[in-house]
Amino acid sequence: MSRTDQHHRIDYIEFAVASIEAAKRFYGRAFNWTFQDYGPDYCEFRDGRLTGGFYHGTPQPGGALVVLYSNDLDVTRAGIEAAGGRIVRPIFDFPGGQRFHFVDNDGYELAVWSEV
């Protein structure tokens, strides 16, 4: 995909986190993301398609809702809980699929959806 094709698409997401190492443990364990450290105060993450970053700062829960896709909501939910996440809205139906919401270790609420 050329950069022209990416116009107006989400390209990067950043999260202020209390602990970069804790964020890496959570997202690595829950979703198998990979990481590249850029010094002690910044870490890039990759999910295989999208990149983003964690930086040391005051967590800012309540920002935009980031929605992840899953082939199996139950397996993903179990991985989130095993990594220390908390489900705040159980699986529910919506037009086009099902989803649930969770809160990570820094208080960020995210959602995961799947087609039915």
PDB file of N, CA and C in Angstrom:
ATOM      1  N   MET A   1       0.848  -1.170   0.000  1.00  0.00           N
ATOM      2  CA  MET A   1       0.000   0.000   0.000  1.00  0.00           C
ATOM      3  C   MET A   1       0.897   1.236   0.000  1.00  0.00           C
ATOM      4  N   SER A   2       0.645   2.147  -0.911  1.00  0.00           N
ATOM      5  CA  SER A   2       1.424   3.381  -0.957  1.00  0.00           C
ATOM      6  C   SER A   2       0.913   4.358   0.095  1.00  0.00           C
ATOM      7  N   ARG A   3       1.712   5.363   0.400  1.00  0.00           N
ATOM      8  CA  ARG A   3       1.293   6.380   1.372  1.00  0.00           C
ATOM      9  C   ARG A   3       0.042   7.104   0.877  1.00  0.00           C
ATOM     10  N   THR A   4      -0.108   7.258  -0.434  1.00  0.00           N
ATOM     11  CA  THR A   4      -1.302   7.904  -0.975  1.00  0.00           C
ATOM     12  C   THR A   4      -2.550   7.121  -0.597  1.00  0.00           C
ATOM     13  N   ASP A   5      -2.468   5.793  -0.613  1.00  0.00           N
ATOM     14  CA  ASP A   5      -3.604   4.944  -0.248  1.00  0.00           C
ATOM     15  C   ASP A   5      -3.951   5.058   1.235  1.00  0.00           C
ATOM     16  N   GLN A   6      -3.046   5.564   2.044  1.00  0.00           N
ATOM     17  CA  GLN A   6      -3.272   5.649   3.480  1.00  0.00           C
ATOM     18  C   GLN A   6      -3.873   6.983   3.912  1.00  0.00           C
ATOM     19  N   HIS A   7      -4.158   7.851   2.974  1.00  0.00           N
ATOM     20  CA  HIS A   7      -4.706   9.173   3.282  1.00  0.00           C
ATOM     21  C   HIS A   7      -5.989   9.036   4.094  1.00  0.00           C
ATOM     22  N   HIS A   8      -6.037   9.707   5.239  1.00  0.00           N
ATOM     23  CA  HIS A   8      -7.178   9.733   6.160  1.00  0.00           C
ATOM     24  C   HIS A   8      -7.412   8.407   6.877  1.00  0.00           C
ATOM     25  N   ARG A   9      -6.453   7.513   6.884  1.00  0.00           N
ATOM     26  CA  ARG A   9      -6.550   6.269   7.650  1.00  0.00           C
ATOM     27  C   ARG A   9      -5.770   6.419   8.950  1.00  0.00           C
ATOM     28  N   ILE A  10      -6.193   5.714   9.957  1.00  0.00           N
ATOM     29  CA  ILE A  10      -5.435   5.743  11.212  1.00  0.00           C
ATOM     30  C   ILE A  10      -4.048   5.197  10.926  1.00  0.00           C
ATOM     31  N   ASP A  11      -3.038   5.958  11.305  1.00  0.00           N
ATOM     32  CA  ASP A  11      -1.663   5.571  11.015  1.00  0.00           C
ATOM     33  C   ASP A  11      -0.881   5.235  12.270  1.00  0.00           C
ATOM     34  N   TYR A  12      -1.206   5.861  13.378  1.00  0.00           N
ATOM     35  CA  TYR A  12      -0.390   5.705  14.577  1.00  0.00           C
ATOM     36  C   TYR A  12      -1.224   6.080  15.788  1.00  0.00           C
ATOM     37  N   ILE A  13      -1.031   5.385  16.867  1.00  0.00           N
ATOM     38  CA  ILE A  13      -1.730   5.665  18.117  1.00  0.00           C
ATOM     39  C   ILE A  13      -0.684   5.720  19.218  1.00  0.00           C
ATOM     40  N   GLU A  14      -0.786   6.699  20.096  1.00  0.00           N
ATOM     41  CA  GLU A  14       0.129   6.785  21.228  1.00  0.00           C
ATOM     42  C   GLU A  14      -0.644   6.771  22.538  1.00  0.00           C
ATOM     43  N   PHE A  15      -0.053   6.096  23.526  1.00  0.00           N
ATOM     44  CA  PHE A  15      -0.626   6.011  24.859  1.00  0.00           C
ATOM     45  C   PHE A  15       0.389   6.520  25.873  1.00  0.00           C
ATOM     46  N   ALA A  16      -0.019   7.439  26.735  1.00  0.00           N
ATOM     47  CA  ALA A  16       0.794   7.798  27.894  1.00  0.00           C
ATOM     48  C   ALA A  16       0.583   6.698  28.926  1.00  0.00           C
ATOM     49  N   VAL A  17       1.668   6.134  29.436  1.00  0.00           N
ATOM     50  CA  VAL A  17       1.562   5.039  30.399  1.00  0.00           C
ATOM     51  C   VAL A  17       2.455   5.303  31.606  1.00  0.00           C
ATOM     52  N   ALA A  18       2.041   4.787  32.740  1.00  0.00           N
ATOM     53  CA  ALA A  18       2.832   4.931  33.959  1.00  0.00           C
ATOM     54  C   ALA A  18       4.111   4.105  33.877  1.00  0.00           C
ATOM     55  N   SER A  19       4.035   2.943  33.216  1.00  0.00           N
ATOM     56  CA  SER A  19       5.186   2.051  33.092  1.00  0.00           C
ATOM     57  C   SER A  19       5.206   1.440  31.694  1.00  0.00           C
ATOM     58  N   ILE A  20       6.241   1.752  30.933  1.00  0.00           N
ATOM     59  CA  ILE A  20       6.370   1.170  29.600  1.00  0.00           C
ATOM     60  C   ILE A  20       6.520  -0.341  29.700  1.00  0.00           C
ATOM     61  N   GLU A  21       7.298  -0.812  30.657  1.00  0.00           N
ATOM     62  CA  GLU A  21       7.493  -2.260  30.801  1.00  0.00           C
ATOM     63  C   GLU A  21       6.177  -2.971  31.107  1.00  0.00           C
ATOM     64  N   ALA A  22       5.352  -2.390  31.973  1.00  0.00           N
ATOM     65  CA  ALA A  22       4.055  -3.003  32.289  1.00  0.00           C
ATOM     66  C   ALA A  22       3.143  -2.999  31.066  1.00  0.00           C
ATOM     67  N   ALA A  23       3.160  -1.915  30.294  1.00  0.00           N
ATOM     68  CA  ALA A  23       2.348  -1.857  29.074  1.00  0.00           C
ATOM     69  C   ALA A  23       2.807  -2.915  28.077  1.00  0.00           C
ATOM     70  N   LYS A  24       4.115  -3.086  27.939  1.00  0.00           N
ATOM     71  CA  LYS A  24       4.643  -4.112  27.035  1.00  0.00           C
ATOM     72  C   LYS A  24       4.226  -5.502  27.495  1.00  0.00           C
ATOM     73  N   ARG A  25       4.291  -5.761  28.793  1.00  0.00           N
ATOM     74  CA  ARG A  25       3.867  -7.073  29.304  1.00  0.00           C
ATOM     75  C   ARG A  25       2.394  -7.314  28.999  1.00  0.00           C
ATOM     76  N   PHE A  26       1.552  -6.313  29.280  1.00  0.00           N
ATOM     77  CA  PHE A  26       0.114  -6.477  29.070  1.00  0.00           C
ATOM     78  C   PHE A  26      -0.203  -6.724  27.600  1.00  0.00           C
ATOM     79  N   TYR A  27       0.223  -5.830  26.711  1.00  0.00           N
ATOM     80  CA  TYR A  27      -0.141  -5.944  25.299  1.00  0.00           C
ATOM     81  C   TYR A  27       0.594  -7.081  24.596  1.00  0.00           C
ATOM     82  N   GLY A  28       1.797  -7.392  25.054  1.00  0.00           N
ATOM     83  CA  GLY A  28       2.496  -8.549  24.505  1.00  0.00           C
ATOM     84  C   GLY A  28       1.796  -9.844  24.861  1.00  0.00           C
ATOM     85  N   ARG A  29       1.380  -9.953  26.109  1.00  0.00           N
ATOM     86  CA  ARG A  29       0.711 -11.174  26.562  1.00  0.00           C
ATOM     87  C   ARG A  29      -0.713 -11.280  26.007  1.00  0.00           C
ATOM     88  N   ALA A  30      -1.453 -10.190  26.018  1.00  0.00           N
ATOM     89  CA  ALA A  30      -2.850 -10.237  25.580  1.00  0.00           C
ATOM     90  C   ALA A  30      -2.985 -10.381  24.069  1.00  0.00           C
ATOM     91  N   PHE A  31      -2.092  -9.729  23.292  1.00  0.00           N
ATOM     92  CA  PHE A  31      -2.279  -9.678  21.842  1.00  0.00           C
ATOM     93  C   PHE A  31      -1.058 -10.082  21.021  1.00  0.00           C
ATOM     94  N   ASN A  32       0.026 -10.488  21.680  1.00  0.00           N
ATOM     95  CA  ASN A  32       1.257 -10.874  20.983  1.00  0.00           C
ATOM     96  C   ASN A  32       1.857  -9.742  20.148  1.00  0.00           C
ATOM     97  N   TRP A  33       1.691  -8.491  20.593  1.00  0.00           N
ATOM     98  CA  TRP A  33       2.303  -7.378  19.884  1.00  0.00           C
ATOM     99  C   TRP A  33       3.815  -7.437  20.068  1.00  0.00           C
ATOM    100  N   THR A  34       4.553  -6.841  19.147  1.00  0.00           N
ATOM    101  CA  THR A  34       6.006  -6.747  19.256  1.00  0.00           C
ATOM    102  C   THR A  34       6.376  -5.290  19.548  1.00  0.00           C
ATOM    103  N   PHE A  35       7.610  -5.097  20.028  1.00  0.00           N
ATOM    104  CA  PHE A  35       8.009  -3.784  20.529  1.00  0.00           C
ATOM    105  C   PHE A  35       9.420  -3.426  20.095  1.00  0.00           C
ATOM    106  N   GLN A  36       9.659  -2.146  19.927  1.00  0.00           N
ATOM    107  CA  GLN A  36      10.986  -1.599  19.654  1.00  0.00           C
ATOM    108  C   GLN A  36      11.186  -0.423  20.593  1.00  0.00           C
ATOM    109  N   ASP A  37      12.157  -0.544  21.494  1.00  0.00           N
ATOM    110  CA  ASP A  37      12.442   0.544  22.427  1.00  0.00           C
ATOM    111  C   ASP A  37      13.277   1.622  21.745  1.00  0.00           C
ATOM    112  N   TYR A  38      12.937   2.864  22.040  1.00  0.00           N
ATOM    113  CA  TYR A  38      13.694   4.022  21.572  1.00  0.00           C
ATOM    114  C   TYR A  38      14.088   4.833  22.795  1.00  0.00           C
ATOM    115  N   GLY A  39      15.040   4.315  23.537  1.00  0.00           N
ATOM    116  CA  GLY A  39      15.450   4.947  24.779  1.00  0.00           C
ATOM    117  C   GLY A  39      14.531   4.545  25.916  1.00  0.00           C
ATOM    118  N   PRO A  40      14.771   5.093  27.107  1.00  0.00           N
ATOM    119  CA  PRO A  40      14.014   4.666  28.287  1.00  0.00           C
ATOM    120  C   PRO A  40      12.593   5.228  28.367  1.00  0.00           C
ATOM    121  N   ASP A  41      12.264   6.227  27.549  1.00  0.00           N
ATOM    122  CA  ASP A  41      10.968   6.888  27.698  1.00  0.00           C
ATOM    123  C   ASP A  41      10.017   6.715  26.523  1.00  0.00           C
ATOM    124  N   TYR A  42      10.367   5.847  25.559  1.00  0.00           N
ATOM    125  CA  TYR A  42       9.470   5.645  24.421  1.00  0.00           C
ATOM    126  C   TYR A  42       9.650   4.241  23.862  1.00  0.00           C
ATOM    127  N   CYS A  43       8.535   3.636  23.513  1.00  0.00           N
ATOM    128  CA  CYS A  43       8.551   2.301  22.930  1.00  0.00           C
ATOM    129  C   CYS A  43       7.503   2.251  21.820  1.00  0.00           C
ATOM    130  N   GLU A  44       7.912   1.796  20.654  1.00  0.00           N
ATOM    131  CA  GLU A  44       6.963   1.608  19.560  1.00  0.00           C
ATOM    132  C   GLU A  44       6.385   0.200  19.651  1.00  0.00           C
ATOM    133  N   PHE A  45       5.092   0.067  19.356  1.00  0.00           N
ATOM    134  CA  PHE A  45       4.491  -1.263  19.278  1.00  0.00           C
ATOM    135  C   PHE A  45       4.018  -1.523  17.861  1.00  0.00           C
ATOM    136  N   ARG A  46       3.975  -2.808  17.523  1.00  0.00           N
ATOM    137  CA  ARG A  46       3.483  -3.240  16.212  1.00  0.00           C
ATOM    138  C   ARG A  46       2.532  -4.406  16.421  1.00  0.00           C
ATOM    139  N   ASP A  47       1.395  -4.341  15.726  1.00  0.00           N
ATOM    140  CA  ASP A  47       0.436  -5.442  15.808  1.00  0.00           C
ATOM    141  C   ASP A  47       0.410  -6.253  14.519  1.00  0.00           C
ATOM    142  N   GLY A  48       1.336  -5.993  13.619  1.00  0.00           N
ATOM    143  CA  GLY A  48       1.373  -6.672  12.340  1.00  0.00           C
ATOM    144  C   GLY A  48       0.815  -5.817  11.215  1.00  0.00           C
ATOM    145  N   ARG A  49       0.089  -4.768  11.557  1.00  0.00           N
ATOM    146  CA  ARG A  49      -0.487  -3.871  10.560  1.00  0.00           C
ATOM    147  C   ARG A  49      -0.326  -2.414  10.965  1.00  0.00           C
ATOM    148  N   LEU A  50      -0.606  -2.108  12.204  1.00  0.00           N
ATOM    149  CA  LEU A  50      -0.594  -0.735  12.702  1.00  0.00           C
ATOM    150  C   LEU A  50       0.560  -0.572  13.683  1.00  0.00           C
ATOM    151  N   THR A  51       1.150   0.613  13.690  1.00  0.00           N
ATOM    152  CA  THR A  51       2.169   0.901  14.695  1.00  0.00           C
ATOM    153  C   THR A  51       1.675   2.022  15.590  1.00  0.00           C
ATOM    154  N   GLY A  52       2.257   2.074  16.751  1.00  0.00           N
ATOM    155  CA  GLY A  52       1.910   3.102  17.719  1.00  0.00           C
ATOM    156  C   GLY A  52       3.019   3.190  18.737  1.00  0.00           C
ATOM    157  N   GLY A  53       2.771   3.920  19.799  1.00  0.00           N
ATOM    158  CA  GLY A  53       3.812   4.077  20.788  1.00  0.00           C
ATOM    159  C   GLY A  53       3.290   4.228  22.198  1.00  0.00           C
ATOM    160  N   PHE A  54       4.143   3.837  23.142  1.00  0.00           N
ATOM    161  CA  PHE A  54       3.921   4.070  24.565  1.00  0.00           C
ATOM    162  C   PHE A  54       4.977   5.076  25.005  1.00  0.00           C
ATOM    163  N   TYR A  55       4.575   6.077  25.758  1.00  0.00           N
ATOM    164  CA  TYR A  55       5.549   7.015  26.302  1.00  0.00           C
ATOM    165  C   TYR A  55       5.247   7.238  27.773  1.00  0.00           C
ATOM    166  N   HIS A  56       6.326   7.508  28.547  1.00  0.00           N
ATOM    167  CA  HIS A  56       6.146   7.782  29.969  1.00  0.00           C
ATOM    168  C   HIS A  56       5.361   9.070  30.122  1.00  0.00           C
ATOM    169  N   GLY A  57       4.306   8.996  30.903  1.00  0.00           N
ATOM    170  CA  GLY A  57       3.484  10.164  31.154  1.00  0.00           C
ATOM    171  C   GLY A  57       2.328   9.786  32.052  1.00  0.00           C
ATOM    172  N   THR A  58       1.467  10.729  32.287  1.00  0.00           N
ATOM    173  CA  THR A  58       0.279  10.474  33.089  1.00  0.00           C
ATOM    174  C   THR A  58      -0.768   9.821  32.201  1.00  0.00           C
ATOM    175  N   PRO A  59      -1.217   8.607  32.557  1.00  0.00           N
ATOM    176  CA  PRO A  59      -2.253   7.967  31.741  1.00  0.00           C
ATOM    177  C   PRO A  59      -3.454   8.895  31.576  1.00  0.00           C
ATOM    178  N   GLN A  60      -4.046   8.862  30.398  1.00  0.00           N
ATOM    179  CA  GLN A  60      -5.150   9.751  30.067  1.00  0.00           C
ATOM    180  C   GLN A  60      -6.378   8.958  29.630  1.00  0.00           C
ATOM    181  N   PRO A  61      -6.953   8.144  30.518  1.00  0.00           N
ATOM    182  CA  PRO A  61      -8.140   7.383  30.146  1.00  0.00           C
ATOM    183  C   PRO A  61      -9.267   8.315  29.709  1.00  0.00           C
ATOM    184  N   GLY A  62     -10.131   7.807  28.860  1.00  0.00           N
ATOM    185  CA  GLY A  62     -11.268   8.590  28.411  1.00  0.00           C
ATOM    186  C   GLY A  62     -11.063   9.232  27.053  1.00  0.00           C
ATOM    187  N   GLY A  63      -9.962   8.940  26.394  1.00  0.00           N
ATOM    188  CA  GLY A  63      -9.720   9.471  25.059  1.00  0.00           C
ATOM    189  C   GLY A  63     -10.542   8.701  24.034  1.00  0.00           C
ATOM    190  N   ALA A  64     -10.107   8.736  22.803  1.00  0.00           N
ATOM    191  CA  ALA A  64     -10.812   8.033  21.732  1.00  0.00           C
ATOM    192  C   ALA A  64     -10.861   6.534  22.026  1.00  0.00           C
ATOM    193  N   LEU A  65     -11.947   5.896  21.642  1.00  0.00           N
ATOM    194  CA  LEU A  65     -12.070   4.449  21.828  1.00  0.00           C
ATOM    195  C   LEU A  65     -11.340   3.755  20.694  1.00  0.00           C
ATOM    196  N   VAL A  66     -10.352   2.989  21.024  1.00  0.00           N
ATOM    197  CA  VAL A  66      -9.616   2.193  20.053  1.00  0.00           C
ATOM    198  C   VAL A  66     -10.291   0.830  19.998  1.00  0.00           C
ATOM    199  N   VAL A  67     -10.622   0.385  18.791  1.00  0.00           N
ATOM    200  CA  VAL A  67     -11.325  -0.885  18.620  1.00  0.00           C
ATOM    201  C   VAL A  67     -10.423  -1.846  17.859  1.00  0.00           C
ATOM    202  N   LEU A  68     -10.196  -3.007  18.457  1.00  0.00           N
ATOM    203  CA  LEU A  68      -9.381  -4.055  17.860  1.00  0.00           C
ATOM    204  C   LEU A  68     -10.296  -5.122  17.275  1.00  0.00           C
ATOM    205  N   TYR A  69      -9.803  -5.868  16.302  1.00  0.00           N
ATOM    206  CA  TYR A  69     -10.577  -6.957  15.707  1.00  0.00           C
ATOM    207  C   TYR A  69     -10.066  -8.286  16.248  1.00  0.00           C
ATOM    208  N   SER A  70     -10.957  -9.260  16.395  1.00  0.00           N
ATOM    209  CA  SER A  70     -10.579 -10.596  16.848  1.00  0.00           C
ATOM    210  C   SER A  70     -11.312 -11.645  16.028  1.00  0.00           C
ATOM    211  N   ASN A  71     -10.619 -12.741  15.736  1.00  0.00           N
ATOM    212  CA  ASN A  71     -11.269 -13.884  15.095  1.00  0.00           C
ATOM    213  C   ASN A  71     -12.056 -14.710  16.097  1.00  0.00           C
ATOM    214  N   ASP A  72     -11.767 -14.557  17.388  1.00  0.00           N
ATOM    215  CA  ASP A  72     -12.430 -15.340  18.435  1.00  0.00           C
ATOM    216  C   ASP A  72     -12.501 -14.493  19.706  1.00  0.00           C
ATOM    217  N   LEU A  73     -13.671 -13.918  19.960  1.00  0.00           N
ATOM    218  CA  LEU A  73     -13.815 -13.027  21.113  1.00  0.00           C
ATOM    219  C   LEU A  73     -13.528 -13.717  22.437  1.00  0.00           C
ATOM    220  N   ASP A  74     -13.948 -14.966  22.590  1.00  0.00           N
ATOM    221  CA  ASP A  74     -13.738 -15.662  23.860  1.00  0.00           C
ATOM    222  C   ASP A  74     -12.258 -15.869  24.154  1.00  0.00           C
ATOM    223  N   VAL A  75     -11.493 -16.258  23.145  1.00  0.00           N
ATOM    224  CA  VAL A  75     -10.052 -16.459  23.332  1.00  0.00           C
ATOM    225  C   VAL A  75      -9.375 -15.122  23.641  1.00  0.00           C
ATOM    226  N   THR A  76      -9.764 -14.077  22.929  1.00  0.00           N
ATOM    227  CA  THR A  76      -9.183 -12.758  23.170  1.00  0.00           C
ATOM    228  C   THR A  76      -9.523 -12.255  24.565  1.00  0.00           C
ATOM    229  N   ARG A  77     -10.770 -12.417  24.967  1.00  0.00           N
ATOM    230  CA  ARG A  77     -11.185 -11.990  26.312  1.00  0.00           C
ATOM    231  C   ARG A  77     -10.366 -12.720  27.373  1.00  0.00           C
ATOM    232  N   ALA A  78     -10.185 -14.021  27.199  1.00  0.00           N
ATOM    233  CA  ALA A  78      -9.402 -14.796  28.166  1.00  0.00           C
ATOM    234  C   ALA A  78      -7.958 -14.294  28.229  1.00  0.00           C
ATOM    235  N   GLY A  79      -7.386 -13.953  27.085  1.00  0.00           N
ATOM    236  CA  GLY A  79      -6.021 -13.430  27.061  1.00  0.00           C
ATOM    237  C   GLY A  79      -5.901 -12.095  27.772  1.00  0.00           C
ATOM    238  N   ILE A  80      -6.902 -11.255  27.600  1.00  0.00           N
ATOM    239  CA  ILE A  80      -6.914  -9.952  28.272  1.00  0.00           C
ATOM    240  C   ILE A  80      -6.987 -10.141  29.779  1.00  0.00           C
ATOM    241  N   GLU A  81      -7.886 -11.003  30.221  1.00  0.00           N
ATOM    242  CA  GLU A  81      -8.026 -11.249  31.658  1.00  0.00           C
ATOM    243  C   GLU A  81      -6.769 -11.882  32.228  1.00  0.00           C
ATOM    244  N   ALA A  82      -6.146 -12.808  31.497  1.00  0.00           N
ATOM    245  CA  ALA A  82      -4.911 -13.444  31.969  1.00  0.00           C
ATOM    246  C   ALA A  82      -3.773 -12.432  32.080  1.00  0.00           C
ATOM    247  N   ALA A  83      -3.808 -11.392  31.247  1.00  0.00           N
ATOM    248  CA  ALA A  83      -2.771 -10.361  31.282  1.00  0.00           C
ATOM    249  C   ALA A  83      -3.042  -9.301  32.344  1.00  0.00           C
ATOM    250  N   GLY A  84      -4.177  -9.399  33.034  1.00  0.00           N
ATOM    251  CA  GLY A  84      -4.491  -8.452  34.096  1.00  0.00           C
ATOM    252  C   GLY A  84      -5.506  -7.393  33.714  1.00  0.00           C
ATOM    253  N   GLY A  85      -6.069  -7.487  32.508  1.00  0.00           N
ATOM    254  CA  GLY A  85      -7.095  -6.537  32.084  1.00  0.00           C
ATOM    255  C   GLY A  85      -8.428  -6.855  32.740  1.00  0.00           C
ATOM    256  N   ARG A  86      -9.332  -5.886  32.684  1.00  0.00           N
ATOM    257  CA  ARG A  86     -10.647  -6.040  33.314  1.00  0.00           C
ATOM    258  C   ARG A  86     -11.724  -5.784  32.267  1.00  0.00           C
ATOM    259  N   ILE A  87     -12.649  -6.722  32.124  1.00  0.00           N
ATOM    260  CA  ILE A  87     -13.764  -6.565  31.195  1.00  0.00           C
ATOM    261  C   ILE A  87     -14.774  -5.618  31.840  1.00  0.00           C
ATOM    262  N   VAL A  88     -15.117  -4.518  31.146  1.00  0.00           N
ATOM    263  CA  VAL A  88     -16.050  -3.537  31.707  1.00  0.00           C
ATOM    264  C   VAL A  88     -17.400  -3.547  30.999  1.00  0.00           C
ATOM    265  N   ARG A  89     -17.466  -4.179  29.862  1.00  0.00           N
ATOM    266  CA  ARG A  89     -18.736  -4.358  29.152  1.00  0.00           C
ATOM    267  C   ARG A  89     -18.666  -5.711  28.468  1.00  0.00           C
ATOM    268  N   PRO A  90     -19.422  -6.704  28.962  1.00  0.00           N
ATOM    269  CA  PRO A  90     -19.359  -8.050  28.395  1.00  0.00           C
ATOM    270  C   PRO A  90     -19.772  -8.064  26.921  1.00  0.00           C
ATOM    271  N   ILE A  91     -19.523  -9.184  26.276  1.00  0.00           N
ATOM    272  CA  ILE A  91     -19.850  -9.340  24.856  1.00  0.00           C
ATOM    273  C   ILE A  91     -21.316  -8.984  24.614  1.00  0.00           C
ATOM    274  N   PHE A  92     -21.532  -8.135  23.610  1.00  0.00           N
ATOM    275  CA  PHE A  92     -22.894  -7.746  23.223  1.00  0.00           C
ATOM    276  C   PHE A  92     -22.979  -7.695  21.703  1.00  0.00           C
ATOM    277  N   ASP A  93     -24.202  -7.828  21.202  1.00  0.00           N
ATOM    278  CA  ASP A  93     -24.452  -7.763  19.766  1.00  0.00           C
ATOM    279  C   ASP A  93     -24.582  -6.314  19.320  1.00  0.00           C
ATOM    280  N   PHE A  94     -24.113  -6.043  18.117  1.00  0.00           N
ATOM    281  CA  PHE A  94     -24.345  -4.758  17.469  1.00  0.00           C
ATOM    282  C   PHE A  94     -24.430  -5.051  15.972  1.00  0.00           C
ATOM    283  N   PRO A  95     -24.956  -4.131  15.176  1.00  0.00           N
ATOM    284  CA  PRO A  95     -25.083  -4.410  13.742  1.00  0.00           C
ATOM    285  C   PRO A  95     -23.738  -4.792  13.124  1.00  0.00           C
ATOM    286  N   GLY A  96     -23.655  -5.979  12.603  1.00  0.00           N
ATOM    287  CA  GLY A  96     -22.434  -6.438  11.955  1.00  0.00           C
ATOM    288  C   GLY A  96     -21.577  -7.357  12.785  1.00  0.00           C
ATOM    289  N   GLY A  97     -21.900  -7.543  14.060  1.00  0.00           N
ATOM    290  CA  GLY A  97     -21.068  -8.430  14.853  1.00  0.00           C
ATOM    291  C   GLY A  97     -21.345  -8.367  16.332  1.00  0.00           C
ATOM    292  N   GLN A  98     -20.299  -8.687  17.089  1.00  0.00           N
ATOM    293  CA  GLN A  98     -20.339  -8.646  18.548  1.00  0.00           C
ATOM    294  C   GLN A  98     -19.070  -7.956  19.019  1.00  0.00           C
ATOM    295  N   ARG A  99     -19.132  -7.395  20.221  1.00  0.00           N
ATOM    296  CA  ARG A  99     -17.921  -6.820  20.792  1.00  0.00           C
ATOM    297  C   ARG A  99     -18.023  -6.767  22.303  1.00  0.00           C
ATOM    298  N   PHE A 100     -16.879  -6.475  22.928  1.00  0.00           N
ATOM    299  CA  PHE A 100     -16.818  -6.222  24.363  1.00  0.00           C
ATOM    300  C   PHE A 100     -15.819  -5.106  24.598  1.00  0.00           C
ATOM    301  N   HIS A 101     -15.883  -4.525  25.797  1.00  0.00           N
ATOM    302  CA  HIS A 101     -14.949  -3.464  26.171  1.00  0.00           C
ATOM    303  C   HIS A 101     -14.124  -3.938  27.368  1.00  0.00           C
ATOM    304  N   PHE A 102     -12.886  -3.491  27.431  1.00  0.00           N
ATOM    305  CA  PHE A 102     -12.019  -3.812  28.562  1.00  0.00           C
ATOM    306  C   PHE A 102     -11.207  -2.590  28.944  1.00  0.00           C
ATOM    307  N   VAL A 103     -10.641  -2.640  30.143  1.00  0.00           N
ATOM    308  CA  VAL A 103      -9.752  -1.595  30.638  1.00  0.00           C
ATOM    309  C   VAL A 103      -8.394  -2.233  30.879  1.00  0.00           C
ATOM    310  N   ASP A 104      -7.342  -1.568  30.383  1.00  0.00           N
ATOM    311  CA  ASP A 104      -5.993  -2.087  30.591  1.00  0.00           C
ATOM    312  C   ASP A 104      -5.451  -1.631  31.941  1.00  0.00           C
ATOM    313  N   ASN A 105      -4.188  -1.936  32.205  1.00  0.00           N
ATOM    314  CA  ASN A 105      -3.592  -1.656  33.512  1.00  0.00           C
ATOM    315  C   ASN A 105      -3.446  -0.169  33.821  1.00  0.00           C
ATOM    316  N   ASP A 106      -3.495   0.698  32.808  1.00  0.00           N
ATOM    317  CA  ASP A 106      -3.395   2.137  33.026  1.00  0.00           C
ATOM    318  C   ASP A 106      -4.751   2.830  32.984  1.00  0.00           C
ATOM    319  N   GLY A 107      -5.830   2.056  32.835  1.00  0.00           N
ATOM    320  CA  GLY A 107      -7.168   2.625  32.847  1.00  0.00           C
ATOM    321  C   GLY A 107      -7.738   2.993  31.488  1.00  0.00           C
ATOM    322  N   TYR A 108      -7.021   2.680  30.415  1.00  0.00           N
ATOM    323  CA  TYR A 108      -7.548   2.944  29.079  1.00  0.00           C
ATOM    324  C   TYR A 108      -8.639   1.940  28.745  1.00  0.00           C
ATOM    325  N   GLU A 109      -9.774   2.439  28.241  1.00  0.00           N
ATOM    326  CA  GLU A 109     -10.842   1.551  27.781  1.00  0.00           C
ATOM    327  C   GLU A 109     -10.690   1.340  26.280  1.00  0.00           C
ATOM    328  N   LEU A 110     -10.662   0.080  25.891  1.00  0.00           N
ATOM    329  CA  LEU A 110     -10.600  -0.305  24.491  1.00  0.00           C
ATOM    330  C   LEU A 110     -11.726  -1.292  24.229  1.00  0.00           C
ATOM    331  N   ALA A 111     -11.996  -1.563  22.966  1.00  0.00           N
ATOM    332  CA  ALA A 111     -13.022  -2.533  22.601  1.00  0.00           C
ATOM    333  C   ALA A 111     -12.421  -3.554  21.649  1.00  0.00           C
ATOM    334  N   VAL A 112     -13.039  -4.717  21.597  1.00  0.00           N
ATOM    335  CA  VAL A 112     -12.657  -5.766  20.658  1.00  0.00           C
ATOM    336  C   VAL A 112     -13.936  -6.240  19.990  1.00  0.00           C
ATOM    337  N   TRP A 113     -13.924  -6.355  18.661  1.00  0.00           N
ATOM    338  CA  TRP A 113     -15.120  -6.792  17.956  1.00  0.00           C
ATOM    339  C   TRP A 113     -14.796  -7.954  17.033  1.00  0.00           C
ATOM    340  N   SER A 114     -15.853  -8.647  16.613  1.00  0.00           N
ATOM    341  CA  SER A 114     -15.741  -9.745  15.667  1.00  0.00           C
ATOM    342  C   SER A 114     -17.033  -9.839  14.874  1.00  0.00           C
ATOM    343  N   GLU A 115     -16.911 -10.308  13.651  1.00  0.00           N
ATOM    344  CA  GLU A 115     -18.107 -10.567  12.853  1.00  0.00           C
ATOM    345  C   GLU A 115     -18.808 -11.785  13.420  1.00  0.00           C
ATOM    346  N   VAL A 116     -20.113 -11.850  13.257  1.00  0.00           N
ATOM    347  CA  VAL A 116     -20.880 -12.997  13.775  1.00  0.00           C
ATOM    348  C   VAL A 116     -20.780 -14.134  12.794  1.00  0.00           C
TER     349      VAL A 116
END
